[in-house]
Amino acid sequence: MFLKVNLDYPINHLKNVRVGMKTSKLAFFPKKGCNQNNFYLRISNSCFLNKICPITVRDRRILNSFYKLYRNESINYQDNWDYIIQACRGFGGLGGRLLSTDSFIPIGIHNDHFVIVNPVGKNLFKSIPEIASFLALNSSLLVYLKHIERECFETLVNVQGFHNIESYPWDCDEIKDDDTYPQLLVNIEKFLSDWNTYTDLRLRINRFNNLLKERNLTYSFEEIDLYPYEHEVIKFFKSYSRNYEAYENMIKVSSLTRLNYVLKINNLIAAVFFIGRIGKDAAGCYANICKYDDFPALQEFAILKLLEKLAYKDIRFFNFGGSETQSLSKFKEKFRPTKRIISNYLVYKG
């Protein structure tokens, strides 16, 4: 079965894309000593000509069609448009992609290496080696593969040039980036019926409720249309997130499937959540920014209110995503996940 996709949007520029602290004429670094004209010639003769393009907002519908066809039962954090435009942002804009009638392969750039992020479709065990080899051989950069489906992973790990992530860690302390620790999935109905029996969590939420009373504070938790709040949200993210750039694409690009929530204290924003749907009845948290230094236990309280809201949307499962650090993963464990999902990573070195 083939999807109807539009291949009439060739972007052949790939120019002035920042790679780490450098800027190359092309997104791909030519090998040292490589004649620039020969490099252009190799690209123009490539079977990927006019297919490696920037991701645009109209790709959302195409990508979601692939997810509906191949991942409709998914509960995996990465099967979401917002995740893709966040993970691929280093390519420039919303990222890059290789599109065919039977696959969608998102491409990003991070810290002087390419990243192929959660490719979806058919025959990926054939197309991924081709594009990974092309990127590596024409740039001398490593190519990381994030979130490879298990069957494809088991095939590629035995293909020449592919290596386990342990051979070339993403970072010395974060071997698999934000999946160094597993994705944690919460059954919302079970959590809401049982959370009051979780002593550690109950004490934290009681602490926040007492704080509201002691300071004579009021709160509201509501779903919002992001645009009327855009400037206020941008200011909030810049003030309280460690890396505003990681969220910039999600703030500036509308997603019809995303749910945006704010918690206000005395009518001032104290927490923001971007929630994206996954498959039929799951959702993931793609931004969770809280003023927890000003309000102890705010984050636990806000997540409780969030899960109550999501239950009314007929969302059964909530995916916290993976974690870079043990401390972050331990925090998420407070919400008693019922499933842990380990993502498959590989590295291609030409």
C-alpha atoms as a PDB file:
ATOM      1  CA  MET A   1       0.000   0.000   0.000  1.00  0.00           C
ATOM      2  CA  PHE A   2       1.388   3.393  -0.981  1.00  0.00           C
ATOM      3  CA  LEU A   3       0.639   6.798   0.450  1.00  0.00           C
ATOM      4  CA  LYS A   4      -0.113   9.700  -1.833  1.00  0.00           C
ATOM      5  CA  VAL A   5       2.696  12.163  -1.169  1.00  0.00           C
ATOM      6  CA  ASN A   6       3.789  15.319  -2.880  1.00  0.00           C
ATOM      7  CA  LEU A   7       7.333  15.152  -4.225  1.00  0.00           C
ATOM      8  CA  ASP A   8       7.133  18.419  -6.181  1.00  0.00           C
ATOM      9  CA  TYR A   9       8.893  20.501  -3.545  1.00  0.00           C
ATOM     10  CA  PRO A  10      12.595  20.156  -4.324  1.00  0.00           C
ATOM     11  CA  ILE A  11      14.820  22.292  -2.151  1.00  0.00           C
ATOM     12  CA  ASN A  12      18.303  21.939  -3.553  1.00  0.00           C
ATOM     13  CA  HIS A  13      19.864  24.735  -1.544  1.00  0.00           C
ATOM     14  CA  LEU A  14      21.044  23.131   1.731  1.00  0.00           C
ATOM     15  CA  LYS A  15      23.171  26.239   2.143  1.00  0.00           C
ATOM     16  CA  ASN A  16      24.336  28.143   5.192  1.00  0.00           C
ATOM     17  CA  VAL A  17      23.226  25.423   7.572  1.00  0.00           C
ATOM     18  CA  ARG A  18      25.096  25.678  10.823  1.00  0.00           C
ATOM     19  CA  VAL A  19      26.905  22.539  11.908  1.00  0.00           C
ATOM     20  CA  GLY A  20      28.242  22.962  15.428  1.00  0.00           C
ATOM     21  CA  MET A  21      30.238  26.198  15.476  1.00  0.00           C
ATOM     22  CA  LYS A  22      30.958  26.088  11.760  1.00  0.00           C
ATOM     23  CA  THR A  23      29.000  27.118   8.695  1.00  0.00           C
ATOM     24  CA  SER A  24      29.556  25.235   5.482  1.00  0.00           C
ATOM     25  CA  LYS A  25      28.459  26.246   2.031  1.00  0.00           C
ATOM     26  CA  LEU A  26      26.401  23.074   2.069  1.00  0.00           C
ATOM     27  CA  ALA A  27      24.886  21.257   4.967  1.00  0.00           C
ATOM     28  CA  PHE A  28      27.352  18.475   4.170  1.00  0.00           C
ATOM     29  CA  PHE A  29      31.022  19.157   4.916  1.00  0.00           C
ATOM     30  CA  PRO A  30      33.166  18.139   1.937  1.00  0.00           C
ATOM     31  CA  LYS A  31      36.017  15.852   2.868  1.00  0.00           C
ATOM     32  CA  LYS A  32      39.307  17.581   3.457  1.00  0.00           C
ATOM     33  CA  GLY A  33      41.082  18.064   0.172  1.00  0.00           C
ATOM     34  CA  CYS A  34      37.881  17.416  -1.759  1.00  0.00           C
ATOM     35  CA  ASN A  35      37.337  19.662  -4.753  1.00  0.00           C
ATOM     36  CA  GLN A  36      34.180  21.711  -4.146  1.00  0.00           C
ATOM     37  CA  ASN A  37      32.999  21.309  -7.739  1.00  0.00           C
ATOM     38  CA  ASN A  38      33.385  17.535  -7.537  1.00  0.00           C
ATOM     39  CA  PHE A  39      31.348  17.572  -4.335  1.00  0.00           C
ATOM     40  CA  TYR A  40      28.517  19.443  -6.066  1.00  0.00           C
ATOM     41  CA  LEU A  41      28.741  16.961  -8.924  1.00  0.00           C
ATOM     42  CA  ARG A  42      28.386  13.982  -6.573  1.00  0.00           C
ATOM     43  CA  ILE A  43      25.269  15.538  -5.073  1.00  0.00           C
ATOM     44  CA  SER A  44      23.738  16.386  -8.443  1.00  0.00           C
ATOM     45  CA  ASN A  45      24.319  12.820  -9.653  1.00  0.00           C
ATOM     46  CA  SER A  46      22.912  11.305  -6.491  1.00  0.00           C
ATOM     47  CA  CYS A  47      19.670   9.337  -6.468  1.00  0.00           C
ATOM     48  CA  PHE A  48      18.610  11.628  -3.578  1.00  0.00           C
ATOM     49  CA  LEU A  49      18.608  14.769  -5.719  1.00  0.00           C
ATOM     50  CA  ASN A  50      15.515  16.897  -4.989  1.00  0.00           C
ATOM     51  CA  LYS A  51      14.470  14.576  -2.184  1.00  0.00           C
ATOM     52  CA  ILE A  52      16.571  15.832   0.730  1.00  0.00           C
ATOM     53  CA  CYS A  53      14.481  18.864   1.604  1.00  0.00           C
ATOM     54  CA  PRO A  54      13.692  21.052   4.591  1.00  0.00           C
ATOM     55  CA  ILE A  55      10.727  19.943   6.640  1.00  0.00           C
ATOM     56  CA  THR A  56       7.850  22.405   6.207  1.00  0.00           C
ATOM     57  CA  VAL A  57       4.536  22.780   7.995  1.00  0.00           C
ATOM     58  CA  ARG A  58       2.753  20.905   5.234  1.00  0.00           C
ATOM     59  CA  ASP A  59       4.868  17.842   6.033  1.00  0.00           C
ATOM     60  CA  ARG A  60       2.881  17.486   9.264  1.00  0.00           C
ATOM     61  CA  ARG A  61      -0.063  16.021   7.392  1.00  0.00           C
ATOM     62  CA  ILE A  62       2.203  13.704   5.389  1.00  0.00           C
ATOM     63  CA  LEU A  63       4.098  12.483   8.447  1.00  0.00           C
ATOM     64  CA  ASN A  64       0.885  11.914  10.403  1.00  0.00           C
ATOM     65  CA  SER A  65      -0.401   9.850   7.465  1.00  0.00           C
ATOM     66  CA  PHE A  66       2.650   7.610   7.766  1.00  0.00           C
ATOM     67  CA  TYR A  67       2.095   7.307  11.523  1.00  0.00           C
ATOM     68  CA  LYS A  68      -1.563   6.420  11.017  1.00  0.00           C
ATOM     69  CA  LEU A  69      -0.633   3.762   8.461  1.00  0.00           C
ATOM     70  CA  TYR A  70       2.360   2.203  10.218  1.00  0.00           C
ATOM     71  CA  ARG A  71       2.153   3.286  13.880  1.00  0.00           C
ATOM     72  CA  ASN A  72      -1.550   3.629  14.672  1.00  0.00           C
ATOM     73  CA  GLU A  73      -1.214   1.444  17.768  1.00  0.00           C
ATOM     74  CA  SER A  74       1.923   3.236  18.920  1.00  0.00           C
ATOM     75  CA  ILE A  75       2.575   4.389  22.462  1.00  0.00           C
ATOM     76  CA  ASN A  76       6.135   5.489  21.640  1.00  0.00           C
ATOM     77  CA  TYR A  77       7.202   9.037  22.449  1.00  0.00           C
ATOM     78  CA  GLN A  78       8.970   9.578  19.124  1.00  0.00           C
ATOM     79  CA  ASP A  79       5.887   8.960  16.964  1.00  0.00           C
ATOM     80  CA  ASN A  80       4.809  12.576  17.031  1.00  0.00           C
ATOM     81  CA  TRP A  81       5.274  15.626  14.803  1.00  0.00           C
ATOM     82  CA  ASP A  82       6.402  17.895  17.651  1.00  0.00           C
ATOM     83  CA  TYR A  83       9.128  15.458  18.624  1.00  0.00           C
ATOM     84  CA  ILE A  84      10.453  15.363  15.052  1.00  0.00           C
ATOM     85  CA  ILE A  85      10.683  19.136  14.569  1.00  0.00           C
ATOM     86  CA  GLN A  86      12.395  19.389  17.949  1.00  0.00           C
ATOM     87  CA  ALA A  87      14.891  16.569  17.366  1.00  0.00           C
ATOM     88  CA  CYS A  88      15.788  17.665  13.808  1.00  0.00           C
ATOM     89  CA  ARG A  89      16.065  21.412  14.428  1.00  0.00           C
ATOM     90  CA  GLY A  90      19.867  21.547  13.997  1.00  0.00           C
ATOM     91  CA  PHE A  91      19.457  20.985  10.261  1.00  0.00           C
ATOM     92  CA  GLY A  92      17.989  24.458  10.069  1.00  0.00           C
ATOM     93  CA  GLY A  93      14.354  25.476  10.409  1.00  0.00           C
ATOM     94  CA  LEU A  94      12.189  22.486  11.266  1.00  0.00           C
ATOM     95  CA  GLY A  95      14.781  19.962  10.114  1.00  0.00           C
ATOM     96  CA  GLY A  96      15.368  17.984   6.941  1.00  0.00           C
ATOM     97  CA  ARG A  97      13.721  14.955   5.466  1.00  0.00           C
ATOM     98  CA  LEU A  98      14.038  12.338   2.760  1.00  0.00           C
ATOM     99  CA  LEU A  99      10.597  11.561   1.394  1.00  0.00           C
ATOM    100  CA  SER A 100       9.484   8.772  -0.916  1.00  0.00           C
ATOM    101  CA  THR A 101       6.148   7.169  -1.636  1.00  0.00           C
ATOM    102  CA  ASP A 102       6.737   4.550   1.057  1.00  0.00           C
ATOM    103  CA  SER A 103       8.944   6.206   3.694  1.00  0.00           C
ATOM    104  CA  PHE A 104       9.575   9.441   5.582  1.00  0.00           C
ATOM    105  CA  ILE A 105      13.124   9.798   6.959  1.00  0.00           C
ATOM    106  CA  PRO A 106      13.691  12.896   9.165  1.00  0.00           C
ATOM    107  CA  ILE A 107      17.257  14.271   9.257  1.00  0.00           C
ATOM    108  CA  GLY A 108      18.886  16.608  11.748  1.00  0.00           C
ATOM    109  CA  ILE A 109      22.347  17.910  12.644  1.00  0.00           C
ATOM    110  CA  HIS A 110      23.724  18.047  16.165  1.00  0.00           C
ATOM    111  CA  ASN A 111      27.229  18.773  17.475  1.00  0.00           C
ATOM    112  CA  ASP A 112      29.009  18.117  14.188  1.00  0.00           C
ATOM    113  CA  HIS A 113      27.162  14.936  13.288  1.00  0.00           C
ATOM    114  CA  PHE A 114      24.054  14.005  11.341  1.00  0.00           C
ATOM    115  CA  VAL A 115      21.025  12.438  12.996  1.00  0.00           C
ATOM    116  CA  ILE A 116      18.402  10.248  11.329  1.00  0.00           C
ATOM    117  CA  VAL A 117      15.406  10.422  13.652  1.00  0.00           C
ATOM    118  CA  ASN A 118      12.645   7.820  13.879  1.00  0.00           C
ATOM    119  CA  PRO A 119      12.297   6.892  10.185  1.00  0.00           C
ATOM    120  CA  VAL A 120       8.900   5.463   9.301  1.00  0.00           C
ATOM    121  CA  GLY A 121       7.683   3.440   6.345  1.00  0.00           C
ATOM    122  CA  LYS A 122       8.585   0.373   4.290  1.00  0.00           C
ATOM    123  CA  ASN A 123      11.964  -1.049   3.261  1.00  0.00           C
ATOM    124  CA  LEU A 124      13.870   1.090   5.774  1.00  0.00           C
ATOM    125  CA  PHE A 125      16.573  -1.578   6.073  1.00  0.00           C
ATOM    126  CA  LYS A 126      17.403  -0.716   2.446  1.00  0.00           C
ATOM    127  CA  SER A 127      16.952   3.058   2.358  1.00  0.00           C
ATOM    128  CA  ILE A 128      18.642   3.879   5.679  1.00  0.00           C
ATOM    129  CA  PRO A 129      22.058   2.395   4.713  1.00  0.00           C
ATOM    130  CA  GLU A 130      21.932   4.333   1.451  1.00  0.00           C
ATOM    131  CA  ILE A 131      21.206   7.719   2.996  1.00  0.00           C
ATOM    132  CA  ALA A 132      23.521   7.130   5.978  1.00  0.00           C
ATOM    133  CA  SER A 133      26.355   6.182   3.643  1.00  0.00           C
ATOM    134  CA  PHE A 134      25.664   9.197   1.440  1.00  0.00           C
ATOM    135  CA  LEU A 135      25.710  11.616   4.384  1.00  0.00           C
ATOM    136  CA  ALA A 136      28.824  10.090   5.952  1.00  0.00           C
ATOM    137  CA  LEU A 137      30.905   9.670   2.811  1.00  0.00           C
ATOM    138  CA  ASN A 138      30.241  13.207   1.618  1.00  0.00           C
ATOM    139  CA  SER A 139      30.877  14.858   4.948  1.00  0.00           C
ATOM    140  CA  SER A 140      33.242  12.705   7.062  1.00  0.00           C
ATOM    141  CA  LEU A 141      30.710  13.075   9.897  1.00  0.00           C
ATOM    142  CA  LEU A 142      29.193  10.366  12.052  1.00  0.00           C
ATOM    143  CA  VAL A 143      25.524   9.615  11.385  1.00  0.00           C
ATOM    144  CA  TYR A 144      23.444   8.766  14.458  1.00  0.00           C
ATOM    145  CA  LEU A 145      20.226   6.780  14.083  1.00  0.00           C
ATOM    146  CA  LYS A 146      17.678   7.467  16.818  1.00  0.00           C
ATOM    147  CA  HIS A 147      14.574   5.360  17.469  1.00  0.00           C
ATOM    148  CA  ILE A 148      15.040   2.579  14.947  1.00  0.00           C
ATOM    149  CA  GLU A 149      12.288  -0.043  14.939  1.00  0.00           C
ATOM    150  CA  ARG A 150      13.445  -3.323  16.432  1.00  0.00           C
ATOM    151  CA  GLU A 151      13.253  -5.404  13.255  1.00  0.00           C
ATOM    152  CA  CYS A 152      15.173  -2.805  11.267  1.00  0.00           C
ATOM    153  CA  PHE A 153      17.682  -2.399  14.106  1.00  0.00           C
ATOM    154  CA  GLU A 154      18.412  -6.133  14.199  1.00  0.00           C
ATOM    155  CA  THR A 155      19.110  -6.077  10.459  1.00  0.00           C
ATOM    156  CA  LEU A 156      21.233  -2.915  10.367  1.00  0.00           C
ATOM    157  CA  VAL A 157      23.410  -3.817  13.360  1.00  0.00           C
ATOM    158  CA  ASN A 158      24.925  -6.555  11.191  1.00  0.00           C
ATOM    159  CA  VAL A 159      25.469  -4.294   8.164  1.00  0.00           C
ATOM    160  CA  GLN A 160      28.983  -2.990   7.534  1.00  0.00           C
ATOM    161  CA  GLY A 161      29.483   0.549   8.797  1.00  0.00           C
ATOM    162  CA  PHE A 162      26.843   0.410  11.545  1.00  0.00           C
ATOM    163  CA  HIS A 163      27.900   0.324  15.194  1.00  0.00           C
ATOM    164  CA  ASN A 164      26.170   0.050  18.556  1.00  0.00           C
ATOM    165  CA  ILE A 165      25.731   3.375  20.341  1.00  0.00           C
ATOM    166  CA  GLU A 166      28.212   2.289  23.043  1.00  0.00           C
ATOM    167  CA  SER A 167      31.003   2.506  20.462  1.00  0.00           C
ATOM    168  CA  TYR A 168      30.267   6.185  19.757  1.00  0.00           C
ATOM    169  CA  PRO A 169      28.185   7.564  22.661  1.00  0.00           C
ATOM    170  CA  TRP A 170      26.039  10.614  22.034  1.00  0.00           C
ATOM    171  CA  ASP A 171      27.717  12.212  25.045  1.00  0.00           C
ATOM    172  CA  CYS A 172      30.063  10.886  27.703  1.00  0.00           C
ATOM    173  CA  ASP A 173      27.326  11.169  30.365  1.00  0.00           C
ATOM    174  CA  GLU A 174      24.287  10.692  28.127  1.00  0.00           C
ATOM    175  CA  ILE A 175      25.008   7.665  25.957  1.00  0.00           C
ATOM    176  CA  LYS A 176      21.631   7.804  24.180  1.00  0.00           C
ATOM    177  CA  ASP A 177      20.817  11.502  24.540  1.00  0.00           C
ATOM    178  CA  ASP A 178      17.326  11.891  26.016  1.00  0.00           C
ATOM    179  CA  ASP A 179      16.789   8.121  25.921  1.00  0.00           C
ATOM    180  CA  THR A 180      19.730   7.234  28.154  1.00  0.00           C
ATOM    181  CA  TYR A 181      17.045   6.119  30.605  1.00  0.00           C
ATOM    182  CA  PRO A 182      13.864   4.449  29.266  1.00  0.00           C
ATOM    183  CA  GLN A 183      10.631   6.093  28.236  1.00  0.00           C
ATOM    184  CA  LEU A 184       8.095   5.774  31.056  1.00  0.00           C
ATOM    185  CA  LEU A 185       4.442   5.109  30.286  1.00  0.00           C
ATOM    186  CA  VAL A 186       1.667   5.813  32.800  1.00  0.00           C
ATOM    187  CA  ASN A 187      -1.781   4.232  32.684  1.00  0.00           C
ATOM    188  CA  ILE A 188      -3.850   7.337  33.398  1.00  0.00           C
ATOM    189  CA  GLU A 189      -6.944   5.624  34.776  1.00  0.00           C
ATOM    190  CA  LYS A 190      -4.915   3.477  37.151  1.00  0.00           C
ATOM    191  CA  PHE A 191      -2.833   6.421  38.311  1.00  0.00           C
ATOM    192  CA  LEU A 192      -5.829   8.638  39.033  1.00  0.00           C
ATOM    193  CA  SER A 193      -7.505   5.898  41.066  1.00  0.00           C
ATOM    194  CA  ASP A 194      -4.373   5.039  43.059  1.00  0.00           C
ATOM    195  CA  TRP A 195      -2.236   8.160  43.386  1.00  0.00           C
ATOM    196  CA  ASN A 196      -3.498   9.004  46.856  1.00  0.00           C
ATOM    197  CA  THR A 197      -1.942   5.741  48.085  1.00  0.00           C
ATOM    198  CA  TYR A 198       1.527   6.753  46.855  1.00  0.00           C
ATOM    199  CA  THR A 199       2.899   8.277  50.055  1.00  0.00           C
ATOM    200  CA  ASP A 200       5.787  10.176  48.483  1.00  0.00           C
ATOM    201  CA  LEU A 201       3.589  11.784  45.834  1.00  0.00           C
ATOM    202  CA  ARG A 202       0.678  12.467  48.187  1.00  0.00           C
ATOM    203  CA  LEU A 203       2.972  14.317  50.602  1.00  0.00           C
ATOM    204  CA  ARG A 204       4.332  16.510  47.811  1.00  0.00           C
ATOM    205  CA  ILE A 205       0.878  17.414  46.511  1.00  0.00           C
ATOM    206  CA  ASN A 206      -0.365  18.118  50.030  1.00  0.00           C
ATOM    207  CA  ARG A 207       2.646  20.382  50.491  1.00  0.00           C
ATOM    208  CA  PHE A 208       1.646  22.425  47.450  1.00  0.00           C
ATOM    209  CA  ASN A 209      -1.990  22.665  48.579  1.00  0.00           C
ATOM    210  CA  ASN A 210      -0.814  23.895  51.984  1.00  0.00           C
ATOM    211  CA  LEU A 211       1.422  26.431  50.259  1.00  0.00           C
ATOM    212  CA  LEU A 212      -1.571  27.847  48.412  1.00  0.00           C
ATOM    213  CA  LYS A 213      -3.434  28.284  51.697  1.00  0.00           C
ATOM    214  CA  GLU A 214      -0.468  29.762  53.588  1.00  0.00           C
ATOM    215  CA  ARG A 215       0.245  32.363  50.887  1.00  0.00           C
ATOM    216  CA  ASN A 216      -3.421  32.967  50.084  1.00  0.00           C
ATOM    217  CA  LEU A 217      -2.849  32.000  46.449  1.00  0.00           C
ATOM    218  CA  THR A 218      -5.325  30.868  43.818  1.00  0.00           C
ATOM    219  CA  TYR A 219      -4.622  28.677  40.815  1.00  0.00           C
ATOM    220  CA  SER A 220      -6.219  27.671  37.531  1.00  0.00           C
ATOM    221  CA  PHE A 221      -5.302  24.914  35.091  1.00  0.00           C
ATOM    222  CA  GLU A 222      -6.618  25.318  31.576  1.00  0.00           C
ATOM    223  CA  GLU A 223      -6.197  24.314  27.970  1.00  0.00           C
ATOM    224  CA  ILE A 224      -5.266  27.251  25.747  1.00  0.00           C
ATOM    225  CA  ASP A 225      -4.904  28.259  22.136  1.00  0.00           C
ATOM    226  CA  LEU A 226      -1.212  29.106  22.025  1.00  0.00           C
ATOM    227  CA  TYR A 227      -1.337  32.112  19.703  1.00  0.00           C
ATOM    228  CA  PRO A 228      -2.975  34.643  22.027  1.00  0.00           C
ATOM    229  CA  TYR A 229      -0.365  33.647  24.640  1.00  0.00           C
ATOM    230  CA  GLU A 230       2.607  33.346  22.292  1.00  0.00           C
ATOM    231  CA  HIS A 231       4.646  36.319  23.531  1.00  0.00           C
ATOM    232  CA  GLU A 232       3.882  35.508  27.154  1.00  0.00           C
ATOM    233  CA  VAL A 233       4.845  31.850  26.646  1.00  0.00           C
ATOM    234  CA  ILE A 234       8.077  32.764  24.837  1.00  0.00           C
ATOM    235  CA  LYS A 235       9.056  35.051  27.705  1.00  0.00           C
ATOM    236  CA  PHE A 236       8.218  32.315  30.214  1.00  0.00           C
ATOM    237  CA  PHE A 237      10.257  29.686  28.364  1.00  0.00           C
ATOM    238  CA  LYS A 238      13.250  31.999  28.023  1.00  0.00           C
ATOM    239  CA  SER A 239      13.133  32.747  31.735  1.00  0.00           C
ATOM    240  CA  TYR A 240      12.578  29.242  33.124  1.00  0.00           C
ATOM    241  CA  SER A 241      13.773  26.660  30.576  1.00  0.00           C
ATOM    242  CA  ARG A 242      17.420  25.709  30.329  1.00  0.00           C
ATOM    243  CA  ASN A 243      17.344  25.638  26.539  1.00  0.00           C
ATOM    244  CA  TYR A 244      14.718  27.795  24.861  1.00  0.00           C
ATOM    245  CA  GLU A 245      16.039  26.890  21.416  1.00  0.00           C
ATOM    246  CA  ALA A 246      14.903  23.294  21.920  1.00  0.00           C
ATOM    247  CA  TYR A 247      11.272  24.451  22.161  1.00  0.00           C
ATOM    248  CA  GLU A 248      11.304  27.260  19.614  1.00  0.00           C
ATOM    249  CA  ASN A 249       9.931  25.224  16.705  1.00  0.00           C
ATOM    250  CA  MET A 250       7.014  23.944  18.766  1.00  0.00           C
ATOM    251  CA  ILE A 251       6.098  27.457  19.892  1.00  0.00           C
ATOM    252  CA  LYS A 252       6.268  28.965  16.416  1.00  0.00           C
ATOM    253  CA  VAL A 253       4.666  26.141  14.426  1.00  0.00           C
ATOM    254  CA  SER A 254       1.031  25.269  14.967  1.00  0.00           C
ATOM    255  CA  SER A 255       0.142  21.613  15.460  1.00  0.00           C
ATOM    256  CA  LEU A 256      -3.523  20.714  15.149  1.00  0.00           C
ATOM    257  CA  THR A 257      -3.014  17.595  17.241  1.00  0.00           C
ATOM    258  CA  ARG A 258      -1.221  19.273  20.147  1.00  0.00           C
ATOM    259  CA  LEU A 259      -2.831  20.200  23.454  1.00  0.00           C
ATOM    260  CA  ASN A 260      -1.405  23.250  25.236  1.00  0.00           C
ATOM    261  CA  TYR A 261      -1.999  23.699  28.956  1.00  0.00           C
ATOM    262  CA  VAL A 262      -1.038  26.412  31.422  1.00  0.00           C
ATOM    263  CA  LEU A 263      -1.211  26.487  35.187  1.00  0.00           C
ATOM    264  CA  LYS A 264      -1.603  29.998  36.540  1.00  0.00           C
ATOM    265  CA  ILE A 265      -1.070  31.164  40.094  1.00  0.00           C
ATOM    266  CA  ASN A 266      -2.792  34.450  40.873  1.00  0.00           C
ATOM    267  CA  ASN A 267      -3.368  34.821  37.103  1.00  0.00           C
ATOM    268  CA  LEU A 268       0.349  34.548  36.265  1.00  0.00           C
ATOM    269  CA  ILE A 269       1.754  31.602  34.305  1.00  0.00           C
ATOM    270  CA  ALA A 270       3.596  29.180  36.581  1.00  0.00           C
ATOM    271  CA  ALA A 271       3.720  26.073  34.354  1.00  0.00           C
ATOM    272  CA  VAL A 272       3.309  25.238  30.661  1.00  0.00           C
ATOM    273  CA  PHE A 273       2.779  21.838  29.033  1.00  0.00           C
ATOM    274  CA  PHE A 274       2.838  20.891  25.345  1.00  0.00           C
ATOM    275  CA  ILE A 275       1.086  17.549  24.920  1.00  0.00           C
ATOM    276  CA  GLY A 276       1.051  15.649  21.642  1.00  0.00           C
ATOM    277  CA  ARG A 277      -1.138  12.716  20.695  1.00  0.00           C
ATOM    278  CA  ILE A 278       0.497   9.378  19.883  1.00  0.00           C
ATOM    279  CA  GLY A 279      -1.381   6.670  18.032  1.00  0.00           C
ATOM    280  CA  LYS A 280      -5.028   6.138  18.947  1.00  0.00           C
ATOM    281  CA  ASP A 281      -5.128   6.628  22.706  1.00  0.00           C
ATOM    282  CA  ALA A 282      -1.754   7.789  24.016  1.00  0.00           C
ATOM    283  CA  ALA A 283      -0.071  11.172  24.444  1.00  0.00           C
ATOM    284  CA  GLY A 284       3.414  12.429  25.206  1.00  0.00           C
ATOM    285  CA  CYS A 285       4.764  15.439  27.066  1.00  0.00           C
ATOM    286  CA  TYR A 286       6.987  17.481  24.742  1.00  0.00           C
ATOM    287  CA  ALA A 287       7.429  20.496  26.996  1.00  0.00           C
ATOM    288  CA  ASN A 288       7.082  20.773  30.760  1.00  0.00           C
ATOM    289  CA  ILE A 289       8.332  24.083  32.115  1.00  0.00           C
ATOM    290  CA  CYS A 290       7.544  24.984  35.731  1.00  0.00           C
ATOM    291  CA  LYS A 291       8.529  27.688  38.214  1.00  0.00           C
ATOM    292  CA  TYR A 292       9.342  24.994  40.755  1.00  0.00           C
ATOM    293  CA  ASP A 293      11.969  27.136  42.520  1.00  0.00           C
ATOM    294  CA  ASP A 294       9.260  29.626  43.461  1.00  0.00           C
ATOM    295  CA  PHE A 295       6.649  27.018  44.334  1.00  0.00           C
ATOM    296  CA  PRO A 296       7.910  23.763  45.895  1.00  0.00           C
ATOM    297  CA  ALA A 297       6.011  20.672  44.699  1.00  0.00           C
ATOM    298  CA  LEU A 298       4.401  22.657  41.873  1.00  0.00           C
ATOM    299  CA  GLN A 299       5.563  20.170  39.252  1.00  0.00           C
ATOM    300  CA  GLU A 300       3.951  17.139  40.904  1.00  0.00           C
ATOM    301  CA  PHE A 301       0.715  19.066  41.450  1.00  0.00           C
ATOM    302  CA  ALA A 302       0.650  20.351  37.865  1.00  0.00           C
ATOM    303  CA  ILE A 303       1.195  16.867  36.399  1.00  0.00           C
ATOM    304  CA  LEU A 304      -1.664  15.518  38.508  1.00  0.00           C
ATOM    305  CA  LYS A 305      -3.969  18.220  37.122  1.00  0.00           C
ATOM    306  CA  LEU A 306      -2.675  17.519  33.616  1.00  0.00           C
ATOM    307  CA  LEU A 307      -3.480  13.813  33.834  1.00  0.00           C
ATOM    308  CA  GLU A 308      -6.965  14.641  35.100  1.00  0.00           C
ATOM    309  CA  LYS A 309      -7.510  16.809  32.011  1.00  0.00           C
ATOM    310  CA  LEU A 310      -6.154  14.166  29.642  1.00  0.00           C
ATOM    311  CA  ALA A 311      -8.518  11.548  31.065  1.00  0.00           C
ATOM    312  CA  TYR A 312     -11.432  13.671  29.785  1.00  0.00           C
ATOM    313  CA  LYS A 313      -9.847  13.567  26.302  1.00  0.00           C
ATOM    314  CA  ASP A 314     -10.116   9.741  26.274  1.00  0.00           C
ATOM    315  CA  ILE A 315      -6.334   9.460  26.417  1.00  0.00           C
ATOM    316  CA  ARG A 316      -5.471   6.219  28.188  1.00  0.00           C
ATOM    317  CA  PHE A 317      -1.686   6.338  28.322  1.00  0.00           C
ATOM    318  CA  PHE A 318       0.757   9.133  29.063  1.00  0.00           C
ATOM    319  CA  ASN A 319       4.364   8.854  27.898  1.00  0.00           C
ATOM    320  CA  PHE A 320       6.818  10.961  29.894  1.00  0.00           C
ATOM    321  CA  GLY A 321       9.535  10.265  27.341  1.00  0.00           C
ATOM    322  CA  GLY A 322      13.019   9.080  28.128  1.00  0.00           C
ATOM    323  CA  SER A 323      15.521  10.896  30.344  1.00  0.00           C
ATOM    324  CA  GLU A 324      19.063  12.171  30.022  1.00  0.00           C
ATOM    325  CA  THR A 325      19.825  11.742  33.718  1.00  0.00           C
ATOM    326  CA  GLN A 326      19.023   9.311  36.500  1.00  0.00           C
ATOM    327  CA  SER A 327      17.601  12.090  38.674  1.00  0.00           C
ATOM    328  CA  LEU A 328      15.087  13.074  35.990  1.00  0.00           C
ATOM    329  CA  SER A 329      14.079   9.455  35.456  1.00  0.00           C
ATOM    330  CA  LYS A 330      13.671   9.007  39.214  1.00  0.00           C
ATOM    331  CA  PHE A 331      11.336  12.008  39.349  1.00  0.00           C
ATOM    332  CA  LYS A 332       9.132  10.492  36.635  1.00  0.00           C
ATOM    333  CA  GLU A 333       9.051   7.187  38.516  1.00  0.00           C
ATOM    334  CA  LYS A 334       6.955   8.929  41.196  1.00  0.00           C
ATOM    335  CA  PHE A 335       3.982   8.588  38.862  1.00  0.00           C
ATOM    336  CA  ARG A 336       4.231   4.778  38.904  1.00  0.00           C
ATOM    337  CA  PRO A 337       4.747   3.957  35.215  1.00  0.00           C
ATOM    338  CA  THR A 338       3.330   0.635  34.090  1.00  0.00           C
ATOM    339  CA  LYS A 339       5.667   0.224  31.114  1.00  0.00           C
ATOM    340  CA  ARG A 340       9.273   1.071  30.251  1.00  0.00           C
ATOM    341  CA  ILE A 341      10.293   1.460  26.616  1.00  0.00           C
ATOM    342  CA  ILE A 342      13.930   1.180  25.522  1.00  0.00           C
ATOM    343  CA  SER A 343      14.759   2.898  22.233  1.00  0.00           C
ATOM    344  CA  ASN A 344      17.167   1.485  19.662  1.00  0.00           C
ATOM    345  CA  TYR A 345      20.126   3.624  18.592  1.00  0.00           C
ATOM    346  CA  LEU A 346      22.889   2.997  16.067  1.00  0.00           C
ATOM    347  CA  VAL A 347      25.803   4.964  14.628  1.00  0.00           C
ATOM    348  CA  TYR A 348      27.025   4.844  11.062  1.00  0.00           C
ATOM    349  CA  LYS A 349      30.672   5.588  10.339  1.00  0.00           C
ATOM    350  CA  GLY A 350      31.681   5.532   6.689  1.00  0.00           C
END
